[in-house]
Protein backbone atom coordinates (compact mmCIF):
# COMPACT_ATOMS: atom_id res chain seq x y z
CA UNK A 1 -20.83 -5.71 5.54
CA UNK A 2 -18.23 -2.84 5.78
CA UNK A 3 -18.59 0.36 4.06
CA UNK A 4 -14.94 1.06 4.11
CA UNK A 5 -13.15 -0.36 0.53
CA UNK A 6 -10.01 -2.96 0.89
CA UNK A 7 -7.34 -1.51 -0.52
CA UNK A 8 -3.74 -2.56 -0.87
CA UNK A 9 -1.03 -0.30 1.47
CA UNK A 10 2.46 0.62 0.88
CA UNK A 11 3.85 -2.26 2.64
CA UNK A 12 1.84 -4.90 0.26
CA UNK A 13 3.71 -3.34 -2.90
CA UNK A 14 6.83 -3.33 -1.38
CA UNK A 15 6.51 -6.88 -0.19
CA UNK A 16 5.51 -7.78 -3.36
CA UNK A 17 8.48 -5.78 -5.13
CA UNK A 18 11.12 -7.94 -2.82
CA UNK A 19 9.19 -11.46 -3.21
CA UNK A 20 9.58 -10.74 -7.07
CA UNK A 21 13.31 -9.25 -6.50
CA UNK A 22 14.22 -12.49 -4.71
CA UNK A 23 12.63 -14.73 -7.61
CA UNK A 24 14.54 -12.67 -10.10
CA UNK A 25 18.08 -12.66 -7.87
CA UNK A 26 17.34 -16.79 -7.48
CA UNK A 27 17.21 -17.37 -10.66
CA UNK A 28 20.41 -15.28 -12.25
CA UNK A 29 22.50 -16.76 -9.68
CA UNK A 30 21.69 -20.11 -9.60
CA UNK A 31 20.32 -20.62 -13.50
CA UNK A 32 23.73 -19.69 -15.20
CA UNK A 33 23.91 -22.47 -16.97
CA UNK A 34 20.57 -23.09 -18.13
CA UNK A 35 19.49 -21.62 -21.41
CA UNK A 36 17.99 -17.88 -21.58
CA UNK A 37 14.67 -18.94 -22.76
CA UNK A 38 13.82 -20.79 -19.44
CA UNK A 39 13.97 -17.51 -18.04
CA UNK A 40 10.95 -15.65 -19.61
CA UNK A 41 8.37 -18.08 -17.69
CA UNK A 42 10.16 -17.02 -14.12
CA UNK A 43 10.26 -13.60 -14.73
CA UNK A 44 6.34 -14.20 -16.09
CA UNK A 45 6.13 -15.89 -12.55
CA UNK A 46 8.09 -13.08 -10.77
CA UNK A 47 5.47 -10.67 -12.02
CA UNK A 48 2.47 -13.20 -11.54
CA UNK A 49 3.02 -14.50 -7.77
CA UNK A 50 3.72 -11.19 -6.14
CA UNK A 51 0.65 -9.24 -7.78
CA UNK A 52 -1.84 -12.19 -7.01
CA UNK A 53 -1.02 -12.11 -3.37
CA UNK A 54 -1.36 -8.10 -3.83
CA UNK A 55 -4.58 -8.17 -5.69
CA UNK A 56 -6.10 -10.95 -3.66
CA UNK A 57 -6.18 -7.76 -0.78
CA UNK A 58 -8.25 -5.60 -2.90
CA UNK A 59 -12.19 -5.19 -3.59
CA UNK A 60 -12.16 -3.47 -6.99
CA UNK A 61 -9.73 -2.12 -9.58
CA UNK A 62 -7.76 -5.69 -9.60
CA UNK A 63 -6.00 -4.42 -12.81
CA UNK A 64 -5.06 -1.09 -11.82
CA UNK A 65 -3.45 -2.81 -8.71
CA UNK A 66 -2.27 -5.86 -10.70
CA UNK A 67 -0.16 -2.88 -13.30
CA UNK A 68 0.62 -1.11 -10.27
CA UNK A 69 2.01 -3.95 -8.43
CA UNK A 70 4.30 -5.07 -11.50
CA UNK A 71 6.13 -1.78 -11.81
CA UNK A 72 6.47 -1.42 -8.35
CA UNK A 73 8.33 -5.29 -8.55
CA UNK A 74 9.79 -4.09 -11.94
CA UNK A 75 11.75 -0.51 -10.57
CA UNK A 76 12.73 -2.59 -7.39
CA UNK A 77 14.11 -5.31 -8.87
CA UNK A 78 15.60 -3.10 -11.72
CA UNK A 79 17.25 -0.60 -9.10
CA UNK A 80 18.40 -3.31 -6.88
CA UNK A 81 20.18 -5.85 -10.01
CA UNK A 82 21.85 -2.63 -11.16
CA UNK A 83 23.09 -1.85 -7.76
CA UNK A 84 24.00 -5.46 -6.99
CA UNK A 85 24.64 -7.62 -10.21
CA UNK A 86 27.22 -6.40 -13.29
CA UNK A 87 26.81 -6.77 -16.36
CA UNK A 88 22.77 -6.21 -17.30
CA UNK A 89 21.86 -4.97 -20.08
CA UNK A 90 18.94 -2.70 -21.29
CA UNK A 91 17.03 -5.75 -23.20
CA UNK A 92 17.27 -7.76 -19.99
CA UNK A 93 15.58 -4.90 -18.09
CA UNK A 94 12.69 -4.52 -21.35
CA UNK A 95 12.18 -8.09 -21.15
CA UNK A 96 11.84 -8.53 -17.29
CA UNK A 97 9.36 -5.12 -17.73
CA UNK A 98 7.28 -6.74 -20.77
CA UNK A 99 7.22 -10.38 -18.29
CA UNK A 100 6.38 -8.99 -15.15
CA UNK A 101 3.62 -6.64 -16.61
CA UNK A 102 1.50 -9.58 -18.08
CA UNK A 103 2.25 -11.18 -14.90
CA UNK A 104 0.61 -8.64 -13.09
CA UNK A 105 -2.24 -8.77 -15.53
CA UNK A 106 -2.78 -12.44 -15.31
CA UNK A 107 -2.21 -12.05 -11.64
CA UNK A 108 -5.27 -9.18 -11.68
CA UNK A 109 -7.62 -11.85 -13.96
CA UNK A 110 -7.35 -14.67 -11.71
CA UNK A 111 -7.88 -12.80 -8.43
CA UNK A 112 -11.11 -10.86 -9.77
CA UNK A 113 -12.18 -14.11 -11.47
CA UNK A 114 -11.59 -15.55 -7.67
CA UNK A 115 -13.28 -12.81 -6.15
CA UNK A 116 -16.49 -12.93 -8.29
CA UNK A 117 -16.86 -16.71 -8.26
CA UNK A 118 -16.85 -16.14 -4.52
CA UNK A 119 -20.16 -16.39 -2.46
CA UNK A 120 -20.99 -13.18 -0.80
CA UNK A 121 -21.06 -13.59 3.09
C-alpha cells in the first residue's frame, strides 16, 4: 500500500470542465426546437458525468471533489458561453449552476459508493 493519497490534479478539473462545456454547448446548438424542459436532465448530466470521472481519481473527500469539479465546470461553461453564444440570460446560468452542482453531488455519492463496495486489494 502506498502512503500517498490520490487526489485529482488541476488538469483533471480542466478536462471535466471542457467535457461539461461540450455537453452543454452541443445541446444548445443542436436542440433549439425541443422543449426547454428536456434541457434540465442534460445540464444535470453535464455536471454528473465529468464530476464522476474526477471523483474516481480520489481516495477521500468525494463530496468536496465533486462539488469543486461541478463549480469549475459551471465557471468554465459560463465564461465560454458568454464569449461564444449570444442571448444567454442570468436565469439560464442559475439553472445551469443548480443542475451541475446537483450532478456533482450525485457523482460524489456514486463514486464513494463504488469505492466502498470494492474489496480491498
